[in-house]
Full PDB file with SEQRES, HELIX, SHEET, SSBOND, CRYST1, ORIGX, SCALE, CONECT and MASTER records, all heavy atoms in Angstrom:
SEQRES   1 A   38  TYR ALA MET LEU GLY ALA GLY VAL PHE ILE LEU LEU ASP          
SEQRES   2 A   38  ALA PRO SER LEU ASN ARG LEU GLU GLY ILE LYS ALA ILE          
SEQRES   3 A   38  ILE GLY LEU VAL LEU PHE TYR LEU VAL LEU SER GLY              
HELIX    1 AA1 ALA A    2  LEU A   12  1                                  11    
HELIX    2 AA2 ILE A   23  SER A   37  1                                  15    
CRYST1    1.000    1.000    1.000  90.00  90.00  90.00 P 1           1          
ORIGX1      1.000000  0.000000  0.000000        0.00000                         
ORIGX2      0.000000  1.000000  0.000000        0.00000                         
ORIGX3      0.000000  0.000000  1.000000        0.00000                         
SCALE1      1.000000  0.000000  0.000000        0.00000                         
SCALE2      0.000000  1.000000  0.000000        0.00000                         
SCALE3      0.000000  0.000000  1.000000        0.00000                         
ATOM      1  N   TYR A   1       0.833  -1.206   0.000  1.00  0.00           N  
ATOM      2  CA  TYR A   1       0.000   0.000   0.000  1.00  0.00           C  
ATOM      3  C   TYR A   1       0.867   1.256   0.000  1.00  0.00           C  
ATOM      4  O   TYR A   1       0.548   2.251  -0.667  1.00  0.00           O  
ATOM      5  CB  TYR A   1      -0.909   0.004   1.236  1.00  0.00           C  
ATOM      6  CG  TYR A   1      -2.031  -1.000   1.176  1.00  0.00           C  
ATOM      7  CD1 TYR A   1      -2.575  -1.537   2.339  1.00  0.00           C  
ATOM      8  CD2 TYR A   1      -2.558  -1.420  -0.046  1.00  0.00           C  
ATOM      9  CE1 TYR A   1      -3.601  -2.462   2.287  1.00  0.00           C  
ATOM     10  CE2 TYR A   1      -3.577  -2.348  -0.106  1.00  0.00           C  
ATOM     11  CZ  TYR A   1      -4.095  -2.866   1.063  1.00  0.00           C  
ATOM     12  OH  TYR A   1      -5.106  -3.776   1.012  1.00  0.00           O  
ATOM     13  N   ALA A   2       1.958   1.225   0.753  1.00  0.00           N  
ATOM     14  CA  ALA A   2       2.860   2.380   0.785  1.00  0.00           C  
ATOM     15  C   ALA A   2       3.474   2.615  -0.598  1.00  0.00           C  
ATOM     16  O   ALA A   2       3.576   3.764  -1.065  1.00  0.00           O  
ATOM     17  CB  ALA A   2       3.954   2.169   1.824  1.00  0.00           C  
ATOM     18  N   MET A   3       3.845   1.549  -1.275  1.00  0.00           N  
ATOM     19  CA  MET A   3       4.433   1.678  -2.609  1.00  0.00           C  
ATOM     20  C   MET A   3       3.396   2.158  -3.623  1.00  0.00           C  
ATOM     21  O   MET A   3       3.699   2.973  -4.512  1.00  0.00           O  
ATOM     22  CB  MET A   3       5.020   0.338  -3.047  1.00  0.00           C  
ATOM     23  CG  MET A   3       6.193  -0.138  -2.201  1.00  0.00           C  
ATOM     24  SD  MET A   3       7.517   1.084  -2.087  1.00  0.00           S  
ATOM     25  CE  MET A   3       7.996   1.263  -3.794  1.00  0.00           C  
ATOM     26  N   LEU A   4       2.162   1.691  -3.496  1.00  0.00           N  
ATOM     27  CA  LEU A   4       1.095   2.169  -4.387  1.00  0.00           C  
ATOM     28  C   LEU A   4       0.848   3.657  -4.172  1.00  0.00           C  
ATOM     29  O   LEU A   4       0.613   4.407  -5.132  1.00  0.00           O  
ATOM     30  CB  LEU A   4      -0.191   1.368  -4.143  1.00  0.00           C  
ATOM     31  CG  LEU A   4      -0.192  -0.086  -4.632  1.00  0.00           C  
ATOM     32  CD1 LEU A   4      -1.489  -0.786  -4.199  1.00  0.00           C  
ATOM     33  CD2 LEU A   4      -0.070  -0.134  -6.154  1.00  0.00           C  
ATOM     34  N   GLY A   5       0.861   4.078  -2.902  1.00  0.00           N  
ATOM     35  CA  GLY A   5       0.690   5.505  -2.617  1.00  0.00           C  
ATOM     36  C   GLY A   5       1.798   6.334  -3.230  1.00  0.00           C  
ATOM     37  O   GLY A   5       1.545   7.409  -3.808  1.00  0.00           O  
ATOM     38  N   ALA A   6       3.029   5.832  -3.140  1.00  0.00           N  
ATOM     39  CA  ALA A   6       4.145   6.543  -3.765  1.00  0.00           C  
ATOM     40  C   ALA A   6       3.959   6.611  -5.276  1.00  0.00           C  
ATOM     41  O   ALA A   6       4.244   7.637  -5.911  1.00  0.00           O  
ATOM     42  CB  ALA A   6       5.462   5.846  -3.417  1.00  0.00           C  
ATOM     43  N   GLY A   7       3.455   5.516  -5.858  1.00  0.00           N  
ATOM     44  CA  GLY A   7       3.209   5.506  -7.303  1.00  0.00           C  
ATOM     45  C   GLY A   7       2.182   6.534  -7.723  1.00  0.00           C  
ATOM     46  O   GLY A   7       2.323   7.193  -8.770  1.00  0.00           O  
ATOM     47  N   VAL A   8       1.133   6.696  -6.909  1.00  0.00           N  
ATOM     48  CA  VAL A   8       0.102   7.686  -7.219  1.00  0.00           C  
ATOM     49  C   VAL A   8       0.696   9.092  -7.209  1.00  0.00           C  
ATOM     50  O   VAL A   8       0.433   9.909  -8.109  1.00  0.00           O  
ATOM     51  CB  VAL A   8      -1.066   7.578  -6.215  1.00  0.00           C  
ATOM     52  CG1 VAL A   8      -2.024   8.756  -6.376  1.00  0.00           C  
ATOM     53  CG2 VAL A   8      -1.800   6.256  -6.400  1.00  0.00           C  
ATOM     54  N   PHE A   9       1.507   9.393  -6.195  1.00  0.00           N  
ATOM     55  CA  PHE A   9       2.113  10.733  -6.118  1.00  0.00           C  
ATOM     56  C   PHE A   9       3.118  10.967  -7.248  1.00  0.00           C  
ATOM     57  O   PHE A   9       3.292  12.098  -7.707  1.00  0.00           O  
ATOM     58  CB  PHE A   9       2.777  10.926  -4.751  1.00  0.00           C  
ATOM     59  CG  PHE A   9       1.813  11.252  -3.659  1.00  0.00           C  
ATOM     60  CD1 PHE A   9       1.397  10.275  -2.765  1.00  0.00           C  
ATOM     61  CD2 PHE A   9       1.278  12.530  -3.532  1.00  0.00           C  
ATOM     62  CE1 PHE A   9       0.491  10.571  -1.765  1.00  0.00           C  
ATOM     63  CE2 PHE A   9       0.378  12.828  -2.528  1.00  0.00           C  
ATOM     64  CZ  PHE A   9      -0.025  11.855  -1.645  1.00  0.00           C  
ATOM     65  N   ILE A  10       3.755   9.915  -7.700  1.00  0.00           N  
ATOM     66  CA  ILE A  10       4.654  10.055  -8.852  1.00  0.00           C  
ATOM     67  C   ILE A  10       3.864  10.390 -10.106  1.00  0.00           C  
ATOM     68  O   ILE A  10       4.235  11.257 -10.901  1.00  0.00           O  
ATOM     69  CB  ILE A  10       5.473   8.760  -9.045  1.00  0.00           C  
ATOM     70  CG1 ILE A  10       6.493   8.609  -7.920  1.00  0.00           C  
ATOM     71  CG2 ILE A  10       6.184   8.767 -10.398  1.00  0.00           C  
ATOM     72  CD1 ILE A  10       7.214   7.272  -7.922  1.00  0.00           C  
ATOM     73  N   LEU A  11       2.722   9.723 -10.283  1.00  0.00           N  
ATOM     74  CA  LEU A  11       1.890   9.974 -11.463  1.00  0.00           C  
ATOM     75  C   LEU A  11       1.303  11.384 -11.454  1.00  0.00           C  
ATOM     76  O   LEU A  11       1.091  11.981 -12.518  1.00  0.00           O  
ATOM     77  CB  LEU A  11       0.760   8.940 -11.530  1.00  0.00           C  
ATOM     78  CG  LEU A  11       1.179   7.509 -11.876  1.00  0.00           C  
ATOM     79  CD1 LEU A  11      -0.012   6.562 -11.795  1.00  0.00           C  
ATOM     80  CD2 LEU A  11       1.784   7.453 -13.282  1.00  0.00           C  
ATOM     81  N   LEU A  12       1.027  11.901 -10.261  1.00  0.00           N  
ATOM     82  CA  LEU A  12       0.469  13.249 -10.195  1.00  0.00           C  
ATOM     83  C   LEU A  12       1.434  14.301 -10.753  1.00  0.00           C  
ATOM     84  O   LEU A  12       1.006  15.328 -11.295  1.00  0.00           O  
ATOM     85  CB  LEU A  12       0.117  13.597  -8.746  1.00  0.00           C  
ATOM     86  CG  LEU A  12      -1.083  12.850  -8.144  1.00  0.00           C  
ATOM     87  CD1 LEU A  12      -1.251  13.217  -6.683  1.00  0.00           C  
ATOM     88  CD2 LEU A  12      -2.363  13.177  -8.919  1.00  0.00           C  
ATOM     89  N   ASP A  13       2.722  14.061 -10.615  1.00  0.00           N  
ATOM     90  CA  ASP A  13       3.715  15.009 -11.109  1.00  0.00           C  
ATOM     91  C   ASP A  13       4.244  14.639 -12.498  1.00  0.00           C  
ATOM     92  O   ASP A  13       5.101  15.336 -13.038  1.00  0.00           O  
ATOM     93  CB  ASP A  13       4.904  15.087 -10.137  1.00  0.00           C  
ATOM     94  CG  ASP A  13       4.500  15.728  -8.820  1.00  0.00           C  
ATOM     95  OD1 ASP A  13       3.520  16.492  -8.819  1.00  0.00           O  
ATOM     96  OD2 ASP A  13       5.152  15.443  -7.797  1.00  0.00           O  
ATOM     97  N   ALA A  14       3.753  13.540 -13.051  1.00  0.00           N  
ATOM     98  CA  ALA A  14       4.221  13.120 -14.376  1.00  0.00           C  
ATOM     99  C   ALA A  14       3.626  14.026 -15.453  1.00  0.00           C  
ATOM    100  O   ALA A  14       2.531  14.587 -15.278  1.00  0.00           O  
ATOM    101  CB  ALA A  14       3.816  11.664 -14.622  1.00  0.00           C  
ATOM    102  N   PRO A  15       4.332  14.199 -16.575  1.00  0.00           N  
ATOM    103  CA  PRO A  15       3.787  15.032 -17.664  1.00  0.00           C  
ATOM    104  C   PRO A  15       2.528  14.408 -18.242  1.00  0.00           C  
ATOM    105  O   PRO A  15       2.362  13.189 -18.261  1.00  0.00           O  
ATOM    106  CB  PRO A  15       4.929  15.058 -18.688  1.00  0.00           C  
ATOM    107  CG  PRO A  15       5.754  13.842 -18.383  1.00  0.00           C  
ATOM    108  CD  PRO A  15       5.658  13.639 -16.911  1.00  0.00           C  
ATOM    109  N   SER A  16       1.617  15.257 -18.670  1.00  0.00           N  
ATOM    110  CA  SER A  16       0.346  14.775 -19.216  1.00  0.00           C  
ATOM    111  C   SER A  16       0.565  14.069 -20.548  1.00  0.00           C  
ATOM    112  O   SER A  16       1.484  14.384 -21.308  1.00  0.00           O  
ATOM    113  CB  SER A  16      -0.615  15.951 -19.399  1.00  0.00           C  
ATOM    114  OG  SER A  16      -0.042  16.901 -20.282  1.00  0.00           O  
ATOM    115  N   LEU A  17      -0.276  13.085 -20.822  1.00  0.00           N  
ATOM    116  CA  LEU A  17      -0.213  12.342 -22.080  1.00  0.00           C  
ATOM    117  C   LEU A  17      -0.962  13.104 -23.169  1.00  0.00           C  
ATOM    118  O   LEU A  17      -1.789  13.988 -22.888  1.00  0.00           O  
ATOM    119  CB  LEU A  17      -0.835  10.949 -21.888  1.00  0.00           C  
ATOM    120  CG  LEU A  17      -0.156  10.027 -20.865  1.00  0.00           C  
ATOM    121  CD1 LEU A  17      -0.984   8.753 -20.692  1.00  0.00           C  
ATOM    122  CD2 LEU A  17       1.267   9.686 -21.303  1.00  0.00           C  
ATOM    123  N   ASN A  18      -0.666  12.755 -24.384  1.00  0.00           N  
ATOM    124  CA  ASN A  18      -1.406  13.336 -25.507  1.00  0.00           C  
ATOM    125  C   ASN A  18      -2.855  12.903 -25.447  1.00  0.00           C  
ATOM    126  O   ASN A  18      -3.170  11.764 -25.084  1.00  0.00           O  
ATOM    127  CB  ASN A  18      -0.781  12.917 -26.833  1.00  0.00           C  
ATOM    128  CG  ASN A  18       0.634  13.467 -27.000  1.00  0.00           C  
ATOM    129  OD1 ASN A  18       0.939  14.550 -26.489  1.00  0.00           O  
ATOM    130  ND2 ASN A  18       1.484  12.733 -27.691  1.00  0.00           N  
ATOM    131  N   ARG A  19      -3.729  13.790 -25.782  1.00  0.00           N  
ATOM    132  CA  ARG A  19      -5.160  13.503 -25.728  1.00  0.00           C  
ATOM    133  C   ARG A  19      -5.530  12.456 -26.775  1.00  0.00           C  
ATOM    134  O   ARG A  19      -5.110  12.541 -27.936  1.00  0.00           O  
ATOM    135  CB  ARG A  19      -5.952  14.778 -25.948  1.00  0.00           C  
ATOM    136  CG  ARG A  19      -7.448  14.568 -25.864  1.00  0.00           C  
ATOM    137  CD  ARG A  19      -8.178  15.882 -25.930  1.00  0.00           C  
ATOM    138  NE  ARG A  19      -9.618  15.695 -25.864  1.00  0.00           N  
ATOM    139  CZ  ARG A  19     -10.501  16.676 -25.825  1.00  0.00           C  
ATOM    140  NH1 ARG A  19     -10.060  17.949 -25.845  1.00  0.00           N  
ATOM    141  NH2 ARG A  19     -11.794  16.433 -25.760  1.00  0.00           N  
ATOM    142  N   LEU A  20      -6.333  11.468 -26.312  1.00  0.00           N  
ATOM    143  CA  LEU A  20      -6.801  10.427 -27.228  1.00  0.00           C  
ATOM    144  C   LEU A  20      -8.270  10.658 -27.540  1.00  0.00           C  
ATOM    145  O   LEU A  20      -9.054  11.021 -26.648  1.00  0.00           O  
ATOM    146  CB  LEU A  20      -6.610   9.047 -26.595  1.00  0.00           C  
ATOM    147  CG  LEU A  20      -5.160   8.639 -26.256  1.00  0.00           C  
ATOM    148  CD1 LEU A  20      -5.137   7.279 -25.576  1.00  0.00           C  
ATOM    149  CD2 LEU A  20      -4.304   8.616 -27.505  1.00  0.00           C  
ATOM    150  N   GLU A  21      -8.653  10.403 -28.752  1.00  0.00           N  
ATOM    151  CA  GLU A  21     -10.041  10.583 -29.169  1.00  0.00           C  
ATOM    152  C   GLU A  21     -10.507   9.381 -29.964  1.00  0.00           C  
ATOM    153  O   GLU A  21      -9.697   8.647 -30.542  1.00  0.00           O  
ATOM    154  CB  GLU A  21     -10.185  11.861 -30.004  1.00  0.00           C  
ATOM    155  CG  GLU A  21      -9.849  13.137 -29.249  1.00  0.00           C  
ATOM    156  CD  GLU A  21     -10.013  14.367 -30.121  1.00  0.00           C  
ATOM    157  OE1 GLU A  21     -10.244  14.201 -31.333  1.00  0.00           O  
ATOM    158  OE2 GLU A  21      -9.912  15.488 -29.580  1.00  0.00           O  
ATOM    159  N   GLY A  22     -11.822   9.204 -29.964  1.00  0.00           N  
ATOM    160  CA  GLY A  22     -12.416   8.172 -30.794  1.00  0.00           C  
ATOM    161  C   GLY A  22     -12.017   6.778 -30.372  1.00  0.00           C  
ATOM    162  O   GLY A  22     -11.981   6.435 -29.180  1.00  0.00           O  
ATOM    163  N   ILE A  23     -11.699   5.956 -31.383  1.00  0.00           N  
ATOM    164  CA  ILE A  23     -11.377   4.563 -31.129  1.00  0.00           C  
ATOM    165  C   ILE A  23     -10.119   4.415 -30.288  1.00  0.00           C  
ATOM    166  O   ILE A  23      -9.972   3.497 -29.492  1.00  0.00           O  
ATOM    167  CB  ILE A  23     -11.230   3.806 -32.469  1.00  0.00           C  
ATOM    168  CG1 ILE A  23     -11.130   2.295 -32.215  1.00  0.00           C  
ATOM    169  CG2 ILE A  23     -10.006   4.313 -33.218  1.00  0.00           C  
ATOM    170  CD1 ILE A  23     -12.365   1.696 -31.636  1.00  0.00           C  
ATOM    171  N   LYS A  24      -9.176   5.360 -30.448  1.00  0.00           N  
ATOM    172  CA  LYS A  24      -7.950   5.314 -29.655  1.00  0.00           C  
ATOM    173  C   LYS A  24      -8.247   5.496 -28.165  1.00  0.00           C  
ATOM    174  O   LYS A  24      -7.624   4.858 -27.308  1.00  0.00           O  
ATOM    175  CB  LYS A  24      -6.984   6.385 -30.122  1.00  0.00           C  
ATOM    176  CG  LYS A  24      -6.392   6.135 -31.513  1.00  0.00           C  
ATOM    177  CD  LYS A  24      -5.385   7.212 -31.859  1.00  0.00           C  
ATOM    178  CE  LYS A  24      -4.774   6.961 -33.246  1.00  0.00           C  
ATOM    179  NZ  LYS A  24      -3.790   8.000 -33.598  1.00  0.00           N  
ATOM    180  N   ALA A  25      -9.195   6.366 -27.842  1.00  0.00           N  
ATOM    181  CA  ALA A  25      -9.559   6.592 -26.444  1.00  0.00           C  
ATOM    182  C   ALA A  25     -10.164   5.322 -25.834  1.00  0.00           C  
ATOM    183  O   ALA A  25      -9.873   4.952 -24.691  1.00  0.00           O  
ATOM    184  CB  ALA A  25     -10.532   7.757 -26.333  1.00  0.00           C  
ATOM    185  N   ILE A  26     -11.024   4.645 -26.646  1.00  0.00           N  
ATOM    186  CA  ILE A  26     -11.653   3.408 -26.151  1.00  0.00           C  
ATOM    187  C   ILE A  26     -10.594   2.328 -25.922  1.00  0.00           C  
ATOM    188  O   ILE A  26     -10.584   1.646 -24.899  1.00  0.00           O  
ATOM    189  CB  ILE A  26     -12.727   2.930 -27.147  1.00  0.00           C  
ATOM    190  CG1 ILE A  26     -13.862   3.961 -27.232  1.00  0.00           C  
ATOM    191  CG2 ILE A  26     -13.269   1.567 -26.733  1.00  0.00           C  
ATOM    192  CD1 ILE A  26     -14.901   3.642 -28.281  1.00  0.00           C  
ATOM    193  N   ILE A  27      -9.697   2.179 -26.895  1.00  0.00           N  
ATOM    194  CA  ILE A  27      -8.641   1.176 -26.774  1.00  0.00           C  
ATOM    195  C   ILE A  27      -7.746   1.490 -25.574  1.00  0.00           C  
ATOM    196  O   ILE A  27      -7.372   0.604 -24.794  1.00  0.00           O  
ATOM    197  CB  ILE A  27      -7.807   1.109 -28.073  1.00  0.00           C  
ATOM    198  CG1 ILE A  27      -8.675   0.585 -29.221  1.00  0.00           C  
ATOM    199  CG2 ILE A  27      -6.585   0.219 -27.879  1.00  0.00           C  
ATOM    200  CD1 ILE A  27      -7.993   0.632 -30.580  1.00  0.00           C  
ATOM    201  N   GLY A  28      -7.416   2.791 -25.402  1.00  0.00           N  
ATOM    202  CA  GLY A  28      -6.585   3.189 -24.272  1.00  0.00           C  
ATOM    203  C   GLY A  28      -7.237   2.885 -22.940  1.00  0.00           C  
ATOM    204  O   GLY A  28      -6.594   2.420 -21.995  1.00  0.00           O  
ATOM    205  N   LEU A  29      -8.566   3.134 -22.852  1.00  0.00           N  
ATOM    206  CA  LEU A  29      -9.302   2.870 -21.612  1.00  0.00           C  
ATOM    207  C   LEU A  29      -9.335   1.377 -21.320  1.00  0.00           C  
ATOM    208  O   LEU A  29      -9.124   0.951 -20.167  1.00  0.00           O  
ATOM    209  CB  LEU A  29     -10.724   3.424 -21.743  1.00  0.00           C  
ATOM    210  CG  LEU A  29     -11.607   3.295 -20.493  1.00  0.00           C  
ATOM    211  CD1 LEU A  29     -11.011   4.089 -19.341  1.00  0.00           C  
ATOM    212  CD2 LEU A  29     -13.024   3.778 -20.796  1.00  0.00           C  
ATOM    213  N   VAL A  30      -9.582   0.578 -22.367  1.00  0.00           N  
ATOM    214  CA  VAL A  30      -9.614  -0.883 -22.169  1.00  0.00           C  
ATOM    215  C   VAL A  30      -8.249  -1.391 -21.722  1.00  0.00           C  
ATOM    216  O   VAL A  30      -8.137  -2.213 -20.804  1.00  0.00           O  
ATOM    217  CB  VAL A  30     -10.069  -1.577 -23.470  1.00  0.00           C  
ATOM    218  CG1 VAL A  30      -9.902  -3.093 -23.342  1.00  0.00           C  
ATOM    219  CG2 VAL A  30     -11.518  -1.236 -23.791  1.00  0.00           C  
ATOM    220  N   LEU A  31      -7.198  -0.901 -22.377  1.00  0.00           N  
ATOM    221  CA  LEU A  31      -5.849  -1.331 -22.004  1.00  0.00           C  
ATOM    222  C   LEU A  31      -5.513  -0.929 -20.573  1.00  0.00           C  
ATOM    223  O   LEU A  31      -4.864  -1.682 -19.823  1.00  0.00           O  
ATOM    224  CB  LEU A  31      -4.830  -0.724 -22.974  1.00  0.00           C  
ATOM    225  CG  LEU A  31      -4.816  -1.304 -24.389  1.00  0.00           C  
ATOM    226  CD1 LEU A  31      -3.838  -0.541 -25.271  1.00  0.00           C  
ATOM    227  CD2 LEU A  31      -4.465  -2.793 -24.360  1.00  0.00           C  
ATOM    228  N   PHE A  32      -5.969   0.265 -20.185  1.00  0.00           N  
ATOM    229  CA  PHE A  32      -5.704   0.733 -18.823  1.00  0.00           C  
ATOM    230  C   PHE A  32      -6.329  -0.204 -17.791  1.00  0.00           C  
ATOM    231  O   PHE A  32      -5.688  -0.612 -16.821  1.00  0.00           O  
ATOM    232  CB  PHE A  32      -6.267   2.149 -18.649  1.00  0.00           C  
ATOM    233  CG  PHE A  32      -6.198   2.644 -17.233  1.00  0.00           C  
ATOM    234  CD1 PHE A  32      -4.993   3.073 -16.693  1.00  0.00           C  
ATOM    235  CD2 PHE A  32      -7.345   2.685 -16.439  1.00  0.00           C  
ATOM    236  CE1 PHE A  32      -4.934   3.536 -15.383  1.00  0.00           C  
ATOM    237  CE2 PHE A  32      -7.286   3.138 -15.138  1.00  0.00           C  
ATOM    238  CZ  PHE A  32      -6.078   3.567 -14.600  1.00  0.00           C  
ATOM    239  N   TYR A  33      -7.593  -0.568 -18.018  1.00  0.00           N  
ATOM    240  CA  TYR A  33      -8.266  -1.467 -17.085  1.00  0.00           C  
ATOM    241  C   TYR A  33      -7.671  -2.870 -17.113  1.00  0.00           C  
ATOM    242  O   TYR A  33      -7.610  -3.549 -16.093  1.00  0.00           O  
ATOM    243  CB  TYR A  33      -9.766  -1.519 -17.372  1.00  0.00           C  
ATOM    244  CG  TYR A  33     -10.516  -0.357 -16.754  1.00  0.00           C  
ATOM    245  CD1 TYR A  33     -11.015   0.677 -17.546  1.00  0.00           C  
ATOM    246  CD2 TYR A  33     -10.724  -0.285 -15.383  1.00  0.00           C  
ATOM    247  CE1 TYR A  33     -11.700   1.748 -16.976  1.00  0.00           C  
ATOM    248  CE2 TYR A  33     -11.406   0.780 -14.805  1.00  0.00           C  
ATOM    249  CZ  TYR A  33     -11.882   1.796 -15.613  1.00  0.00           C  
ATOM    250  OH  TYR A  33     -12.547   2.846 -15.051  1.00  0.00           O  
ATOM    251  N   LEU A  34      -7.228  -3.313 -18.296  1.00  0.00           N  
ATOM    252  CA  LEU A  34      -6.596  -4.637 -18.373  1.00  0.00           C  
ATOM    253  C   LEU A  34      -5.288  -4.659 -17.580  1.00  0.00           C  
ATOM    254  O   LEU A  34      -5.011  -5.616 -16.843  1.00  0.00           O  
ATOM    255  CB  LEU A  34      -6.328  -5.005 -19.834  1.00  0.00           C  
ATOM    256  CG  LEU A  34      -7.558  -5.383 -20.665  1.00  0.00           C  
ATOM    257  CD1 LEU A  34      -7.156  -5.618 -22.122  1.00  0.00           C  
ATOM    258  CD2 LEU A  34      -8.228  -6.645 -20.097  1.00  0.00           C  
ATOM    259  N   VAL A  35      -4.495  -3.609 -17.748  1.00  0.00           N  
ATOM    260  CA  VAL A  35      -3.235  -3.539 -17.007  1.00  0.00           C  
ATOM    261  C   VAL A  35      -3.493  -3.444 -15.510  1.00  0.00           C  
ATOM    262  O   VAL A  35      -2.867  -4.145 -14.693  1.00  0.00           O  
ATOM    263  CB  VAL A  35      -2.398  -2.333 -17.492  1.00  0.00           C  
ATOM    264  CG1 VAL A  35      -1.186  -2.140 -16.583  1.00  0.00           C  
ATOM    265  CG2 VAL A  35      -1.955  -2.539 -18.931  1.00  0.00           C  
ATOM    266  N   LEU A  36      -4.442  -2.572 -15.145  1.00  0.00           N  
ATOM    267  CA  LEU A  36      -4.755  -2.402 -13.719  1.00  0.00           C  
ATOM    268  C   LEU A  36      -5.274  -3.699 -13.106  1.00  0.00           C  
ATOM    269  O   LEU A  36      -4.866  -4.099 -12.004  1.00  0.00           O  
ATOM    270  CB  LEU A  36      -5.787  -1.286 -13.549  1.00  0.00           C  
ATOM    271  CG  LEU A  36      -6.092  -0.848 -12.115  1.00  0.00           C  
ATOM    272  CD1 LEU A  36      -4.840  -0.248 -11.477  1.00  0.00           C  
ATOM    273  CD2 LEU A  36      -7.222   0.167 -12.087  1.00  0.00           C  
ATOM    274  N   SER A  37      -6.179  -4.375 -13.823  1.00  0.00           N  
ATOM    275  CA  SER A  37      -6.723  -5.646 -13.317  1.00  0.00           C  
ATOM    276  C   SER A  37      -5.647  -6.707 -13.245  1.00  0.00           C  
ATOM    277  O   SER A  37      -5.602  -7.504 -12.289  1.00  0.00           O  
ATOM    278  CB  SER A  37      -7.859  -6.120 -14.234  1.00  0.00           C  
ATOM    279  OG  SER A  37      -8.912  -5.184 -14.258  1.00  0.00           O  
ATOM    280  N   GLY A  38      -4.778  -6.736 -14.250  1.00  0.00           N  
ATOM    281  CA  GLY A  38      -3.704  -7.720 -14.236  1.00  0.00           C  
ATOM    282  C   GLY A  38      -2.765  -7.527 -13.056  1.00  0.00           C  
ATOM    283  O   GLY A  38      -2.358  -8.496 -12.395  1.00  0.00           O  
TER     284      GLY A  38                                                      
MASTER        0    0    0    2    0    0    0    6  283    1    0    3          
END                                                                             
């Protein structure tokens, strides 16, 4: 849990990603949940 908290704070300061639209946004969202669930 401590390491996950550190990861969250690291992501908060990370540079923003390029905006995804359309099918790319859907694919990105699915991949995000797959990685998170995995």
